[in-house]
Amino acid sequence: MNQTATPFTQQAVEQLLYREAQLLDRHQLEQWLSLYTDDATYWVPLEMGQVDPINTSSIIYDDRTLMEIRVKQYLHPRAHARVPQHRTCHQVSNVLLAPDTGGSSTLEQHISSTLVVVEFRQERQRIWGATVEHRLRVTAEGLRIVSKRVDLVNSESDLDGIAFIF
């Protein structure tokens, strides 16, 4: 790769985030999981501004192994908590690449975006809003997600059984 070239173009980053949303909406969770690195984390904090997923409670804090377990449980034919299956529409917007501070790795990039998810399940529609932070890495397979943090705007309210992945 050319030293001045970067794989973190606005278009490449947006395409990855849009692909992630599409896979989630289509329930293609094994393919969704393939977008993540082996050392990936997926975090949905419980409180606004939460800085520590280890020593504080979270809605979700999964490493790659727990992500794989979550996907297997979700896809299991007897996953009765997911019947009827939900339908979702993930809307990703306001995708911004963090400014280059000069000291960061050229192989990783922080991305911020906003997310609206419309969920329909059991004759009920719910709308979720969030700010999202991704950390992306250049790998032999292309851009992959190292971490994803989803800050729900209503994280401290009654969430009433989330049955899908943000």
C-alpha atoms as a PDB file:
ATOM      1  CA  MET A   1       0.000   0.000   0.000  1.00  0.00           C
ATOM      2  CA  ASN A   2       1.203   3.494  -0.771  1.00  0.00           C
ATOM      3  CA  GLN A   3       2.371   5.252   2.446  1.00  0.00           C
ATOM      4  CA  THR A   4       0.150   8.255   1.740  1.00  0.00           C
ATOM      5  CA  ALA A   5      -2.899   6.216   0.739  1.00  0.00           C
ATOM      6  CA  THR A   6      -5.426   5.414   3.428  1.00  0.00           C
ATOM      7  CA  PRO A   7      -8.080   2.717   3.377  1.00  0.00           C
ATOM      8  CA  PHE A   8     -10.169   4.924   5.664  1.00  0.00           C
ATOM      9  CA  THR A   9     -11.963   6.927   3.023  1.00  0.00           C
ATOM     10  CA  GLN A  10     -15.394   8.290   3.855  1.00  0.00           C
ATOM     11  CA  GLN A  11     -16.943   6.002   1.254  1.00  0.00           C
ATOM     12  CA  ALA A  12     -15.165   2.843   2.480  1.00  0.00           C
ATOM     13  CA  VAL A  13     -16.107   3.523   6.096  1.00  0.00           C
ATOM     14  CA  GLU A  14     -19.733   4.302   5.254  1.00  0.00           C
ATOM     15  CA  GLN A  15     -20.007   1.162   3.101  1.00  0.00           C
ATOM     16  CA  LEU A  16     -18.778  -0.977   6.016  1.00  0.00           C
ATOM     17  CA  LEU A  17     -21.278   0.578   8.455  1.00  0.00           C
ATOM     18  CA  TYR A  18     -24.116   0.281   5.937  1.00  0.00           C
ATOM     19  CA  ARG A  19     -23.190  -3.354   5.293  1.00  0.00           C
ATOM     20  CA  GLU A  20     -23.248  -4.039   9.025  1.00  0.00           C
ATOM     21  CA  ALA A  21     -26.738  -2.511   9.289  1.00  0.00           C
ATOM     22  CA  GLN A  22     -27.980  -4.505   6.299  1.00  0.00           C
ATOM     23  CA  LEU A  23     -26.719  -7.798   7.715  1.00  0.00           C
ATOM     24  CA  LEU A  24     -28.426  -7.108  11.037  1.00  0.00           C
ATOM     25  CA  ASP A  25     -31.721  -6.250   9.327  1.00  0.00           C
ATOM     26  CA  ARG A  26     -31.540  -9.452   7.281  1.00  0.00           C
ATOM     27  CA  HIS A  27     -30.680 -11.594  10.342  1.00  0.00           C
ATOM     28  CA  GLN A  28     -27.436 -12.677   8.662  1.00  0.00           C
ATOM     29  CA  LEU A  29     -25.634 -12.775  11.971  1.00  0.00           C
ATOM     30  CA  GLU A  30     -22.803 -15.118  11.050  1.00  0.00           C
ATOM     31  CA  GLN A  31     -21.860 -12.768   8.200  1.00  0.00           C
ATOM     32  CA  TRP A  32     -22.264  -9.818  10.603  1.00  0.00           C
ATOM     33  CA  LEU A  33     -19.859 -11.486  13.006  1.00  0.00           C
ATOM     34  CA  SER A  34     -17.306 -11.862  10.193  1.00  0.00           C
ATOM     35  CA  LEU A  35     -17.050  -8.056  10.038  1.00  0.00           C
ATOM     36  CA  TYR A  36     -15.404  -8.129  13.491  1.00  0.00           C
ATOM     37  CA  THR A  37     -11.797  -8.903  14.425  1.00  0.00           C
ATOM     38  CA  ASP A  38     -10.900 -11.779  16.738  1.00  0.00           C
ATOM     39  CA  ASP A  39     -10.181  -9.300  19.567  1.00  0.00           C
ATOM     40  CA  ALA A  40     -13.402  -7.319  19.039  1.00  0.00           C
ATOM     41  CA  THR A  41     -15.702  -5.924  21.721  1.00  0.00           C
ATOM     42  CA  TYR A  42     -19.365  -4.900  21.525  1.00  0.00           C
ATOM     43  CA  TRP A  43     -20.562  -2.545  24.278  1.00  0.00           C
ATOM     44  CA  VAL A  44     -23.921  -0.985  25.130  1.00  0.00           C
ATOM     45  CA  PRO A  45     -23.338   1.110  28.293  1.00  0.00           C
ATOM     46  CA  LEU A  46     -25.994   1.393  30.954  1.00  0.00           C
ATOM     47  CA  GLU A  47     -25.361   5.059  31.723  1.00  0.00           C
ATOM     48  CA  MET A  48     -24.642   8.119  29.619  1.00  0.00           C
ATOM     49  CA  GLY A  49     -20.953   8.969  29.728  1.00  0.00           C
ATOM     50  CA  GLN A  50     -19.943   5.611  31.194  1.00  0.00           C
ATOM     51  CA  VAL A  51     -16.197   5.095  30.800  1.00  0.00           C
ATOM     52  CA  ASP A  52     -15.588   1.625  32.216  1.00  0.00           C
ATOM     53  CA  PRO A  53     -17.333  -1.525  30.953  1.00  0.00           C
ATOM     54  CA  ILE A  54     -15.434  -3.820  33.314  1.00  0.00           C
ATOM     55  CA  ASN A  55     -16.053  -2.358  36.785  1.00  0.00           C
ATOM     56  CA  THR A  56     -19.544  -0.982  36.147  1.00  0.00           C
ATOM     57  CA  SER A  57     -22.792  -2.515  34.947  1.00  0.00           C
ATOM     58  CA  SER A  58     -23.572  -2.466  31.239  1.00  0.00           C
ATOM     59  CA  ILE A  59     -26.572  -3.449  29.141  1.00  0.00           C
ATOM     60  CA  ILE A  60     -24.180  -5.521  27.010  1.00  0.00           C
ATOM     61  CA  TYR A  61     -20.429  -5.940  27.121  1.00  0.00           C
ATOM     62  CA  ASP A  62     -19.259  -8.797  24.921  1.00  0.00           C
ATOM     63  CA  ASP A  63     -15.865  -9.873  23.735  1.00  0.00           C
ATOM     64  CA  ARG A  64     -15.604 -11.920  20.538  1.00  0.00           C
ATOM     65  CA  THR A  65     -16.358 -15.207  22.331  1.00  0.00           C
ATOM     66  CA  LEU A  66     -19.523 -13.799  23.907  1.00  0.00           C
ATOM     67  CA  MET A  67     -20.541 -12.299  20.566  1.00  0.00           C
ATOM     68  CA  GLU A  68     -20.268 -15.767  19.009  1.00  0.00           C
ATOM     69  CA  ILE A  69     -22.350 -17.271  21.828  1.00  0.00           C
ATOM     70  CA  ARG A  70     -24.973 -14.532  21.431  1.00  0.00           C
ATOM     71  CA  VAL A  71     -25.233 -15.279  17.691  1.00  0.00           C
ATOM     72  CA  LYS A  72     -25.493 -19.058  18.281  1.00  0.00           C
ATOM     73  CA  GLN A  73     -28.229 -18.524  20.871  1.00  0.00           C
ATOM     74  CA  TYR A  74     -30.078 -16.156  18.583  1.00  0.00           C
ATOM     75  CA  LEU A  75     -29.970 -18.601  15.661  1.00  0.00           C
ATOM     76  CA  HIS A  76     -30.918 -21.650  17.722  1.00  0.00           C
ATOM     77  CA  PRO A  77     -34.306 -23.054  16.555  1.00  0.00           C
ATOM     78  CA  ARG A  78     -35.609 -23.227  20.122  1.00  0.00           C
ATOM     79  CA  ALA A  79     -34.768 -19.631  21.024  1.00  0.00           C
ATOM     80  CA  HIS A  80     -38.314 -19.031  22.232  1.00  0.00           C
ATOM     81  CA  ALA A  81     -37.532 -15.535  23.518  1.00  0.00           C
ATOM     82  CA  ARG A  82     -37.072 -14.505  19.887  1.00  0.00           C
ATOM     83  CA  VAL A  83     -40.413 -15.871  18.656  1.00  0.00           C
ATOM     84  CA  PRO A  84     -41.944 -14.176  16.850  1.00  0.00           C
ATOM     85  CA  GLN A  85     -38.836 -12.891  15.163  1.00  0.00           C
ATOM     86  CA  HIS A  86     -38.382  -9.144  15.167  1.00  0.00           C
ATOM     87  CA  ARG A  87     -38.051  -7.019  12.064  1.00  0.00           C
ATOM     88  CA  THR A  88     -35.689  -4.073  12.139  1.00  0.00           C
ATOM     89  CA  CYS A  89     -34.575  -1.174  10.020  1.00  0.00           C
ATOM     90  CA  HIS A  90     -31.164   0.224  11.006  1.00  0.00           C
ATOM     91  CA  GLN A  91     -30.571   3.784   9.773  1.00  0.00           C
ATOM     92  CA  VAL A  92     -26.920   4.867  10.022  1.00  0.00           C
ATOM     93  CA  SER A  93     -26.092   8.540   9.542  1.00  0.00           C
ATOM     94  CA  ASN A  94     -23.728  11.361  10.478  1.00  0.00           C
ATOM     95  CA  VAL A  95     -20.681   9.175   9.859  1.00  0.00           C
ATOM     96  CA  LEU A  96     -17.543  11.065  10.879  1.00  0.00           C
ATOM     97  CA  LEU A  97     -13.929   9.955  10.851  1.00  0.00           C
ATOM     98  CA  ALA A  98     -11.969  11.178  13.865  1.00  0.00           C
ATOM     99  CA  PRO A  99      -9.392  13.791  12.940  1.00  0.00           C
ATOM    100  CA  ASP A 100      -5.845  12.480  12.545  1.00  0.00           C
ATOM    101  CA  THR A 101      -3.890  13.558  15.606  1.00  0.00           C
ATOM    102  CA  GLY A 102      -0.582  12.476  14.142  1.00  0.00           C
ATOM    103  CA  GLY A 103       0.155   9.909  16.835  1.00  0.00           C
ATOM    104  CA  SER A 104      -2.483   7.343  15.985  1.00  0.00           C
ATOM    105  CA  SER A 105      -1.854   4.133  14.091  1.00  0.00           C
ATOM    106  CA  THR A 106      -2.378   4.248  10.344  1.00  0.00           C
ATOM    107  CA  LEU A 107      -3.954   0.791  10.672  1.00  0.00           C
ATOM    108  CA  GLU A 108      -6.812   1.875  12.953  1.00  0.00           C
ATOM    109  CA  GLN A 109      -9.411   4.642  12.805  1.00  0.00           C
ATOM    110  CA  HIS A 110     -12.099   5.867  15.197  1.00  0.00           C
ATOM    111  CA  ILE A 111     -15.499   6.537  13.641  1.00  0.00           C
ATOM    112  CA  SER A 112     -18.559   8.190  15.155  1.00  0.00           C
ATOM    113  CA  SER A 113     -22.090   7.982  13.804  1.00  0.00           C
ATOM    114  CA  THR A 114     -25.708   8.119  14.801  1.00  0.00           C
ATOM    115  CA  LEU A 115     -28.136   5.244  14.646  1.00  0.00           C
ATOM    116  CA  VAL A 116     -31.903   4.930  14.568  1.00  0.00           C
ATOM    117  CA  VAL A 117     -33.365   1.439  14.744  1.00  0.00           C
ATOM    118  CA  VAL A 118     -37.027   0.777  14.122  1.00  0.00           C
ATOM    119  CA  GLU A 119     -38.066  -2.570  15.572  1.00  0.00           C
ATOM    120  CA  PHE A 120     -41.351  -4.382  14.993  1.00  0.00           C
ATOM    121  CA  ARG A 121     -42.147  -7.393  17.158  1.00  0.00           C
ATOM    122  CA  GLN A 122     -45.291  -8.825  18.725  1.00  0.00           C
ATOM    123  CA  GLU A 123     -47.554  -6.272  17.043  1.00  0.00           C
ATOM    124  CA  ARG A 124     -45.542  -3.427  18.548  1.00  0.00           C
ATOM    125  CA  GLN A 125     -43.159  -0.939  16.977  1.00  0.00           C
ATOM    126  CA  ARG A 126     -40.337   0.641  18.964  1.00  0.00           C
ATOM    127  CA  ILE A 127     -37.778   3.240  17.964  1.00  0.00           C
ATOM    128  CA  TRP A 128     -34.268   3.316  19.384  1.00  0.00           C
ATOM    129  CA  GLY A 129     -31.806   6.172  18.956  1.00  0.00           C
ATOM    130  CA  ALA A 130     -28.102   6.055  19.705  1.00  0.00           C
ATOM    131  CA  THR A 131     -24.706   7.547  19.142  1.00  0.00           C
ATOM    132  CA  VAL A 132     -22.206   4.941  18.023  1.00  0.00           C
ATOM    133  CA  GLU A 133     -18.439   4.722  18.127  1.00  0.00           C
ATOM    134  CA  HIS A 134     -16.617   2.178  15.990  1.00  0.00           C
ATOM    135  CA  ARG A 135     -12.902   1.500  15.929  1.00  0.00           C
ATOM    136  CA  LEU A 136     -11.876   0.027  12.586  1.00  0.00           C
ATOM    137  CA  ARG A 137      -8.694  -1.793  11.637  1.00  0.00           C
ATOM    138  CA  VAL A 138      -7.046  -2.624   8.340  1.00  0.00           C
ATOM    139  CA  THR A 139      -6.690  -6.419   8.020  1.00  0.00           C
ATOM    140  CA  ALA A 140      -5.779  -8.813   5.230  1.00  0.00           C
ATOM    141  CA  GLU A 141      -9.558  -9.172   4.617  1.00  0.00           C
ATOM    142  CA  GLY A 142     -10.073  -5.401   4.424  1.00  0.00           C
ATOM    143  CA  LEU A 143     -11.567  -3.054   7.001  1.00  0.00           C
ATOM    144  CA  ARG A 144     -12.867  -4.833  10.110  1.00  0.00           C
ATOM    145  CA  ILE A 145     -14.517  -3.659  13.317  1.00  0.00           C
ATOM    146  CA  VAL A 146     -12.352  -3.830  16.444  1.00  0.00           C
ATOM    147  CA  SER A 147     -14.898  -2.291  18.789  1.00  0.00           C
ATOM    148  CA  LYS A 148     -18.417  -0.958  18.727  1.00  0.00           C
ATOM    149  CA  ARG A 149     -19.963   1.184  21.456  1.00  0.00           C
ATOM    150  CA  VAL A 150     -23.679   1.988  21.246  1.00  0.00           C
ATOM    151  CA  ASP A 151     -24.869   4.763  23.591  1.00  0.00           C
ATOM    152  CA  LEU A 152     -28.664   4.539  23.636  1.00  0.00           C
ATOM    153  CA  VAL A 153     -30.342   7.878  24.258  1.00  0.00           C
ATOM    154  CA  ASN A 154     -32.707   6.131  26.690  1.00  0.00           C
ATOM    155  CA  SER A 155     -30.215   3.695  28.253  1.00  0.00           C
ATOM    156  CA  GLU A 156     -31.313   4.502  31.789  1.00  0.00           C
ATOM    157  CA  SER A 157     -35.016   3.848  31.163  1.00  0.00           C
ATOM    158  CA  ASP A 158     -37.006   0.610  31.139  1.00  0.00           C
ATOM    159  CA  LEU A 159     -35.736  -1.146  28.001  1.00  0.00           C
ATOM    160  CA  ASP A 160     -38.371  -3.887  28.062  1.00  0.00           C
ATOM    161  CA  GLY A 161     -36.459  -6.838  26.671  1.00  0.00           C
ATOM    162  CA  ILE A 162     -34.147  -5.957  23.811  1.00  0.00           C
ATOM    163  CA  ALA A 163     -34.178  -8.969  21.462  1.00  0.00           C
ATOM    164  CA  PHE A 164     -31.892  -7.756  18.670  1.00  0.00           C
ATOM    165  CA  ILE A 165     -28.360  -6.486  18.063  1.00  0.00           C
ATOM    166  CA  PHE A 166     -27.731  -2.801  17.551  1.00  0.00           C
END
